[in-house]
């Protein structure tokens, strides 16, 4: 059994997450969305519309991680750069500190992870507003997110599956498996999840939708100590029966030096893909160095010689497929420095008075306070 101190050490890594504060010129790429409905989750929203766009463009909803902002996550991930290349529109929901002190989406809260309620409904209202405003193709709406944002992407895919053609979950968690702080913490550590039949039932019961279901792209670092990589397999299990695919993947290949597994349905269509980024910790994998790279490496925005942003666009049919790099099944050299990304143009940390702190008292009687502070640092307690 892992020591309690190990849990605190891992959870305290959240302190190192970038806030996403960026230079004014970068932040100016996004435009705040005005009124978009009743907004029961009290979220903010921004959009990015490229100078040249398709007549009926696709829409990608991008959900940031804990302590990040919409603008900061855009700069790191490079989504607006690809929008410029391929002409789709972006929507960035954004958490507010009054809802969660660490700016995490409340993916584990029963008030916010259900259809027609809380943060999920706020995001649904944003999508409707942007779709009407920009003439979005309703058959090409997608959602992606990192960590708590990835867990919230799972929420949206389960509660409003009829809206989405596809989703991408990066270092995230399955839908509906946690409704209390202990369950959320256990899930993050790879413990306490339900069996496959119950996983699928949770999605089916989240709405009255009966298909077709959105395609799913799953990304996780094999060295992730914040959200255990076993969650990638749990997400696959949650969606496999819905797509009618078997346990074993239909194809396994190396892409940019990393293993990719693919499940195909009866129509010979790729419906689930999973990338395991060998040796990588908690964050979004990037390729910022190649000729067609995008984004900016920093805290939890990890240079890995593979662009999850670009590959997700390819999986969704939003980008032309580039030739695969030759692979000898070795880990790219960059993967050996994944844990040192704070030296790679890190986004600024929050002011000291806003940073979650874990104070360890000398007295053993203070252990309850330690647990409470650790849970706040992970975004699991308000």
Protein backbone atom coordinates (compact mmCIF):
# COMPACT_ATOMS: atom_id res chain seq x y z
CA UNK A 1 0.00 0.00 0.00
CA UNK A 2 1.37 3.42 -0.96
CA UNK A 3 2.28 5.72 1.88
CA UNK A 4 -0.07 8.61 2.65
CA UNK A 5 2.88 10.96 2.15
CA UNK A 6 3.19 9.74 -1.46
CA UNK A 7 -0.38 10.83 -2.09
CA UNK A 8 0.29 14.28 -0.66
CA UNK A 9 3.45 14.62 -2.74
CA UNK A 10 1.59 13.76 -5.91
CA UNK A 11 -1.37 15.99 -5.18
CA UNK A 12 0.92 18.88 -4.30
CA UNK A 13 2.24 18.78 -7.87
CA UNK A 14 -0.90 20.67 -8.74
CA UNK A 15 0.79 23.67 -7.16
CA UNK A 16 3.19 23.62 -10.10
CA UNK A 17 0.49 23.85 -12.74
CA UNK A 18 0.67 26.97 -14.87
CA UNK A 19 -2.04 29.50 -14.34
CA UNK A 20 -2.16 30.15 -18.03
CA UNK A 21 -1.51 33.86 -17.64
CA UNK A 22 0.13 34.91 -20.88
CA UNK A 23 1.39 37.96 -22.65
CA UNK A 24 -1.34 40.41 -23.60
CA UNK A 25 -0.71 39.81 -27.31
CA UNK A 26 -1.31 36.08 -26.89
CA UNK A 27 -4.41 36.52 -24.72
CA UNK A 28 -5.81 38.88 -27.34
CA UNK A 29 -6.34 35.98 -29.75
CA UNK A 30 -9.46 35.01 -27.80
CA UNK A 31 -12.64 37.06 -27.65
CA UNK A 32 -14.99 36.86 -24.70
CA UNK A 33 -18.41 35.43 -25.50
CA UNK A 34 -21.24 37.61 -24.24
CA UNK A 35 -24.51 36.36 -22.77
CA UNK A 36 -25.19 32.78 -23.81
CA UNK A 37 -28.04 31.66 -21.57
CA UNK A 38 -28.90 31.21 -17.91
CA UNK A 39 -25.37 29.92 -17.21
CA UNK A 40 -26.21 27.89 -14.07
CA UNK A 41 -22.56 26.86 -13.68
CA UNK A 42 -21.37 30.50 -13.59
CA UNK A 43 -18.65 29.87 -16.17
CA UNK A 44 -16.94 32.32 -18.52
CA UNK A 45 -16.49 31.66 -22.23
CA UNK A 46 -14.18 32.85 -25.00
CA UNK A 47 -14.01 32.09 -28.70
CA UNK A 48 -11.47 32.15 -31.47
CA UNK A 49 -12.62 32.66 -35.05
CA UNK A 50 -9.82 32.42 -37.64
CA UNK A 51 -9.46 35.17 -40.27
CA UNK A 52 -10.33 32.62 -42.96
CA UNK A 53 -12.86 29.95 -42.14
CA UNK A 54 -14.94 27.38 -43.92
CA UNK A 55 -18.44 28.31 -45.11
CA UNK A 56 -19.96 26.00 -42.49
CA UNK A 57 -17.06 25.52 -40.07
CA UNK A 58 -16.45 22.83 -37.50
CA UNK A 59 -16.42 23.77 -33.80
CA UNK A 60 -13.93 22.52 -31.21
CA UNK A 61 -14.62 23.05 -27.50
CA UNK A 62 -11.38 23.19 -25.46
CA UNK A 63 -11.40 22.69 -21.67
CA UNK A 64 -8.35 23.81 -19.66
CA UNK A 65 -6.84 22.05 -16.65
CA UNK A 66 -6.65 23.10 -13.00
CA UNK A 67 -5.18 26.58 -12.27
CA UNK A 68 -5.02 27.30 -16.00
CA UNK A 69 -6.98 29.84 -18.02
CA UNK A 70 -8.51 29.53 -21.46
CA UNK A 71 -5.94 31.86 -23.03
CA UNK A 72 -3.03 30.13 -21.33
CA UNK A 73 -4.14 26.67 -22.44
CA UNK A 74 -4.62 27.91 -25.99
CA UNK A 75 -1.07 29.27 -26.13
CA UNK A 76 0.34 26.04 -24.74
CA UNK A 77 -1.68 23.61 -26.84
CA UNK A 78 -1.65 25.58 -30.08
CA UNK A 79 -5.34 25.13 -30.86
CA UNK A 80 -5.81 28.60 -32.36
CA UNK A 81 -2.73 28.06 -34.54
CA UNK A 82 -4.40 25.02 -36.07
CA UNK A 83 -7.68 26.90 -36.38
CA UNK A 84 -5.79 29.40 -38.54
CA UNK A 85 -4.47 26.55 -40.70
CA UNK A 86 -7.71 24.61 -41.11
CA UNK A 87 -10.51 27.14 -40.69
CA UNK A 88 -12.50 25.78 -37.73
CA UNK A 89 -13.93 27.80 -34.82
CA UNK A 90 -12.89 27.37 -31.17
CA UNK A 91 -14.89 27.71 -27.96
CA UNK A 92 -13.06 27.94 -24.62
CA UNK A 93 -15.22 27.52 -21.49
CA UNK A 94 -13.38 28.92 -18.47
CA UNK A 95 -13.76 28.18 -14.78
CA UNK A 96 -14.04 30.96 -12.20
CA UNK A 97 -12.35 30.98 -8.82
CA UNK A 98 -15.69 31.47 -7.04
CA UNK A 99 -16.70 27.99 -8.27
CA UNK A 100 -13.40 26.25 -7.60
CA UNK A 101 -10.40 27.93 -5.94
CA UNK A 102 -7.98 26.05 -8.19
CA UNK A 103 -9.97 26.78 -11.38
CA UNK A 104 -10.76 23.10 -11.90
CA UNK A 105 -13.97 22.17 -13.66
CA UNK A 106 -16.13 20.35 -11.09
CA UNK A 107 -16.27 17.03 -12.94
CA UNK A 108 -17.01 15.07 -9.74
CA UNK A 109 -19.88 17.26 -8.52
CA UNK A 110 -23.39 15.89 -9.03
CA UNK A 111 -24.57 19.48 -9.45
CA UNK A 112 -22.26 20.04 -12.41
CA UNK A 113 -21.83 16.69 -14.19
CA UNK A 114 -25.43 15.96 -15.17
CA UNK A 115 -27.52 16.83 -18.20
CA UNK A 116 -29.50 20.07 -17.90
CA UNK A 117 -27.66 21.24 -14.81
CA UNK A 118 -24.65 23.18 -13.53
CA UNK A 119 -21.45 23.51 -15.52
CA UNK A 120 -22.49 20.92 -18.10
CA UNK A 121 -25.57 22.95 -19.03
CA UNK A 122 -23.54 26.17 -19.13
CA UNK A 123 -21.20 24.59 -21.70
CA UNK A 124 -24.21 23.29 -23.65
CA UNK A 125 -25.60 26.85 -23.76
CA UNK A 126 -22.26 28.21 -24.98
CA UNK A 127 -22.23 25.65 -27.80
CA UNK A 128 -25.74 26.66 -28.90
CA UNK A 129 -24.81 30.35 -28.90
CA UNK A 130 -21.61 29.86 -30.92
CA UNK A 131 -23.33 27.48 -33.34
CA UNK A 132 -25.98 30.08 -34.13
CA UNK A 133 -23.55 32.98 -34.23
CA UNK A 134 -21.04 31.42 -36.63
CA UNK A 135 -23.13 29.01 -38.69
CA UNK A 136 -21.38 25.94 -37.28
CA UNK A 137 -21.85 22.59 -39.03
CA UNK A 138 -23.86 20.65 -36.39
CA UNK A 139 -22.34 17.37 -37.62
CA UNK A 140 -18.81 18.57 -36.81
CA UNK A 141 -18.75 19.61 -33.16
CA UNK A 142 -15.95 18.19 -30.99
CA UNK A 143 -14.73 18.53 -27.39
CA UNK A 144 -11.34 18.04 -25.76
CA UNK A 145 -9.69 18.80 -22.42
CA UNK A 146 -6.73 18.19 -20.11
CA UNK A 147 -6.92 16.61 -16.63
CA UNK A 148 -9.99 18.11 -14.90
CA UNK A 149 -10.83 19.52 -18.32
CA UNK A 150 -10.46 16.00 -19.75
CA UNK A 151 -12.79 14.68 -17.06
CA UNK A 152 -15.24 17.46 -17.97
CA UNK A 153 -14.93 16.43 -21.64
CA UNK A 154 -16.04 12.95 -20.48
CA UNK A 155 -19.01 14.61 -18.77
CA UNK A 156 -20.04 16.45 -21.93
CA UNK A 157 -19.66 13.37 -24.16
CA UNK A 158 -21.84 11.33 -21.79
CA UNK A 159 -24.50 13.91 -20.97
CA UNK A 160 -24.88 15.45 -24.45
CA UNK A 161 -23.67 12.72 -26.85
CA UNK A 162 -26.03 13.85 -29.60
CA UNK A 163 -24.06 17.11 -29.90
CA UNK A 164 -20.63 15.67 -30.60
CA UNK A 165 -19.02 13.90 -33.52
CA UNK A 166 -16.00 13.15 -31.36
CA UNK A 167 -14.09 13.86 -28.18
CA UNK A 168 -10.49 13.74 -26.96
CA UNK A 169 -9.61 13.11 -23.31
CA UNK A 170 -6.05 13.99 -22.25
CA UNK A 171 -4.86 12.70 -18.85
CA UNK A 172 -8.52 12.61 -17.85
CA UNK A 173 -11.04 10.35 -16.16
CA UNK A 174 -14.14 8.34 -17.08
CA UNK A 175 -17.66 9.65 -16.61
CA UNK A 176 -19.81 9.16 -13.52
CA UNK A 177 -17.41 7.13 -11.37
CA UNK A 178 -16.97 9.66 -8.58
CA UNK A 179 -19.54 11.74 -6.72
CA UNK A 180 -17.63 12.27 -3.48
CA UNK A 181 -14.14 13.52 -2.64
CA UNK A 182 -12.85 10.07 -1.51
CA UNK A 183 -14.16 8.45 -4.70
CA UNK A 184 -12.61 11.18 -6.86
CA UNK A 185 -9.27 10.77 -5.12
CA UNK A 186 -9.44 6.99 -5.47
CA UNK A 187 -10.26 7.29 -9.16
CA UNK A 188 -7.31 9.60 -9.74
CA UNK A 189 -5.07 7.00 -8.13
CA UNK A 190 -6.53 4.22 -10.26
CA UNK A 191 -8.70 2.62 -7.59
CA UNK A 192 -12.35 2.05 -6.89
CA UNK A 193 -13.86 2.21 -10.38
CA UNK A 194 -16.86 0.08 -11.41
CA UNK A 195 -16.83 -2.86 -13.82
CA UNK A 196 -17.26 -2.51 -17.58
CA UNK A 197 -21.01 -3.14 -17.64
CA UNK A 198 -21.60 -0.44 -15.03
CA UNK A 199 -19.23 1.95 -16.84
CA UNK A 200 -21.30 1.65 -19.99
CA UNK A 201 -24.57 1.93 -18.06
CA UNK A 202 -23.42 5.22 -16.57
CA UNK A 203 -23.11 6.75 -20.04
CA UNK A 204 -26.38 5.25 -21.29
CA UNK A 205 -28.28 6.58 -18.27
CA UNK A 206 -26.84 10.09 -18.57
CA UNK A 207 -29.23 10.88 -21.46
CA UNK A 208 -31.92 9.23 -23.57
CA UNK A 209 -29.57 9.07 -26.57
CA UNK A 210 -29.14 5.67 -28.21
CA UNK A 211 -26.56 6.42 -30.88
CA UNK A 212 -24.64 6.93 -33.00
CA UNK A 213 -22.01 7.71 -30.37
CA UNK A 214 -19.11 10.17 -30.63
CA UNK A 215 -15.67 8.80 -31.46
CA UNK A 216 -13.15 8.89 -28.62
CA UNK A 217 -9.44 9.80 -28.66
CA UNK A 218 -7.56 9.03 -25.42
CA UNK A 219 -4.11 10.36 -24.48
CA UNK A 220 -2.16 9.56 -21.32
CA UNK A 221 1.46 9.61 -20.17
CA UNK A 222 2.68 6.26 -18.88
CA UNK A 223 4.52 8.09 -16.09
CA UNK A 224 1.55 10.18 -14.92
CA UNK A 225 1.62 10.34 -11.12
CA UNK A 226 -1.34 12.72 -10.81
CA UNK A 227 -4.01 10.80 -12.74
CA UNK A 228 -3.06 7.13 -12.90
CA UNK A 229 -2.69 5.86 -16.51
CA UNK A 230 -5.08 2.99 -15.75
CA UNK A 231 -7.82 5.57 -16.30
CA UNK A 232 -7.11 5.43 -20.03
CA UNK A 233 -8.10 1.76 -20.05
CA UNK A 234 -11.18 2.52 -17.96
CA UNK A 235 -12.30 5.15 -20.49
CA UNK A 236 -11.83 2.62 -23.30
CA UNK A 237 -13.93 0.13 -21.35
CA UNK A 238 -16.64 2.74 -20.81
CA UNK A 239 -17.08 3.36 -24.54
CA UNK A 240 -16.23 -0.01 -26.11
CA UNK A 241 -19.68 -1.60 -25.77
CA UNK A 242 -21.38 1.58 -26.97
CA UNK A 243 -19.43 1.35 -30.21
CA UNK A 244 -19.83 -2.42 -30.44
CA UNK A 245 -16.12 -3.19 -30.54
CA UNK A 246 -14.19 -6.01 -28.86
CA UNK A 247 -11.62 -6.04 -26.12
CA UNK A 248 -8.63 -6.34 -28.42
CA UNK A 249 -7.73 -3.41 -30.70
CA UNK A 250 -8.05 -3.88 -34.44
CA UNK A 251 -4.73 -2.18 -35.08
CA UNK A 252 -1.61 -1.39 -33.07
CA UNK A 253 1.08 0.83 -34.52
CA UNK A 254 3.83 3.26 -33.62
CA UNK A 255 3.17 6.93 -34.36
CA UNK A 256 6.02 9.37 -33.85
CA UNK A 257 7.66 6.70 -31.72
CA UNK A 258 4.69 6.06 -29.40
CA UNK A 259 2.20 3.16 -29.31
CA UNK A 260 -1.26 3.83 -30.74
CA UNK A 261 -4.15 1.38 -30.48
CA UNK A 262 -7.26 1.62 -32.65
CA UNK A 263 -10.69 0.01 -32.44
CA UNK A 264 -12.86 -0.10 -35.60
CA UNK A 265 -16.62 -0.65 -35.77
CA UNK A 266 -18.61 -2.84 -38.16
CA UNK A 267 -18.52 -0.05 -40.75
CA UNK A 268 -14.71 -0.27 -40.73
CA UNK A 269 -14.48 3.17 -39.14
CA UNK A 270 -11.99 4.15 -36.44
CA UNK A 271 -14.15 4.88 -33.38
CA UNK A 272 -11.69 4.67 -30.47
CA UNK A 273 -7.98 5.46 -30.46
CA UNK A 274 -5.53 5.48 -27.57
CA UNK A 275 -2.02 6.93 -27.36
CA UNK A 276 0.27 5.98 -24.49
CA UNK A 277 3.08 8.54 -24.31
CA UNK A 278 5.97 6.51 -22.94
CA UNK A 279 7.64 8.01 -19.88
CA UNK A 280 5.58 11.21 -19.91
CA UNK A 281 4.10 12.70 -16.75
CA UNK A 282 0.87 14.64 -16.31
CA UNK A 283 0.10 17.04 -19.14
CA UNK A 284 -0.63 17.66 -22.79
CA UNK A 285 1.92 16.16 -25.23
CA UNK A 286 3.29 18.67 -27.74
CA UNK A 287 5.51 18.91 -30.78
CA UNK A 288 6.70 22.51 -30.76
CA UNK A 289 10.00 21.95 -32.58
CA UNK A 290 9.17 20.47 -35.98
CA UNK A 291 8.35 22.55 -39.07
CA UNK A 292 4.60 22.04 -38.63
CA UNK A 293 4.66 22.02 -34.83
CA UNK A 294 2.37 24.17 -32.71
CA UNK A 295 1.96 25.35 -29.14
CA UNK A 296 4.46 26.33 -26.47
CA UNK A 297 6.00 23.97 -23.93
CA UNK A 298 5.77 24.83 -20.26
CA UNK A 299 4.44 23.52 -16.98
CA UNK A 300 2.18 20.57 -17.81
CA UNK A 301 2.44 21.44 -21.50
CA UNK A 302 5.04 18.82 -22.37
CA UNK A 303 7.38 18.70 -25.35
CA UNK A 304 7.16 15.06 -26.46
CA UNK A 305 7.93 15.15 -30.21
CA UNK A 306 4.26 14.40 -30.90
CA UNK A 307 1.47 16.96 -31.16
CA UNK A 308 -1.71 15.68 -29.54
CA UNK A 309 -3.45 18.78 -30.90
CA UNK A 310 -2.51 17.97 -34.50
CA UNK A 311 -3.12 14.23 -34.22
CA UNK A 312 -6.54 14.81 -32.66
CA UNK A 313 -7.41 17.11 -35.56
CA UNK A 314 -6.42 14.33 -37.96
CA UNK A 315 -8.53 11.76 -36.11
CA UNK A 316 -11.53 14.09 -36.38
CA UNK A 317 -10.91 14.80 -40.06
CA UNK A 318 -10.14 18.48 -39.47
CA UNK A 319 -6.54 18.35 -40.74
CA UNK A 320 -4.74 16.68 -43.58
CA UNK A 321 -2.84 13.61 -42.39
CA UNK A 322 0.92 14.14 -42.38
CA UNK A 323 3.30 11.25 -43.09
CA UNK A 324 4.17 9.22 -40.04
CA UNK A 325 7.73 9.59 -38.81
CA UNK A 326 9.86 6.44 -39.07
CA UNK A 327 9.85 4.55 -35.81
CA UNK A 328 12.15 1.97 -34.28
CA UNK A 329 9.86 1.65 -31.24
CA UNK A 330 12.24 3.66 -29.07
CA UNK A 331 11.21 6.50 -26.80
CA UNK A 332 12.03 9.93 -28.26
CA UNK A 333 14.91 11.65 -26.52
CA UNK A 334 12.54 14.38 -25.37
CA UNK A 335 10.59 11.87 -23.31
CA UNK A 336 13.52 11.55 -20.92
CA UNK A 337 13.11 15.18 -19.81
CA UNK A 338 9.36 15.24 -19.34
CA UNK A 339 9.54 15.98 -15.64
CA UNK A 340 11.76 19.04 -16.21
CA UNK A 341 9.34 21.03 -18.29
CA UNK A 342 9.22 23.94 -15.89
CA UNK A 343 12.48 25.06 -17.54
CA UNK A 344 10.82 25.15 -20.96
CA UNK A 345 9.15 28.56 -21.13
CA UNK A 346 6.83 27.91 -18.19
CA UNK A 347 3.65 29.89 -17.93
CA UNK A 348 3.70 32.07 -14.79
CA UNK A 349 2.67 30.57 -11.46
CA UNK A 350 -0.18 32.14 -9.46
CA UNK A 351 0.64 34.81 -6.87
CA UNK A 352 1.67 33.36 -3.54
CA UNK A 353 -1.56 34.40 -1.88
CA UNK A 354 -3.54 32.36 -4.44
CA UNK A 355 -1.35 29.24 -4.49
CA UNK A 356 -2.75 26.20 -2.67
CA UNK A 357 -0.46 25.27 0.19
CA UNK A 358 0.07 22.01 2.02
CA UNK A 359 1.20 22.81 5.54
CA UNK A 360 2.52 19.83 7.48
CA UNK A 361 2.25 20.38 11.21
CA UNK A 362 4.82 18.93 13.58
CA UNK A 363 2.01 17.47 15.63
CA UNK A 364 0.47 14.19 14.29
CA UNK A 365 -2.93 15.47 15.35
CA UNK A 366 -2.82 17.81 12.33
CA UNK A 367 -3.20 14.99 9.83
CA UNK A 368 -6.79 15.96 9.04
CA UNK A 369 -5.65 19.41 7.97
CA UNK A 370 -3.00 17.86 5.73
CA UNK A 371 -5.63 15.75 3.98
CA UNK A 372 -7.94 18.72 3.58
CA UNK A 373 -5.20 20.91 2.08
CA UNK A 374 -4.10 18.12 -0.25
CA UNK A 375 -7.63 17.66 -1.54
CA UNK A 376 -7.95 21.40 -2.12
CA UNK A 377 -4.68 21.36 -4.04
CA UNK A 378 -6.10 18.67 -6.30
CA UNK A 379 -9.29 20.63 -6.88
CA UNK A 380 -11.39 18.08 -5.04
CA UNK A 381 -12.58 20.34 -2.26
CA UNK A 382 -13.94 23.86 -2.42
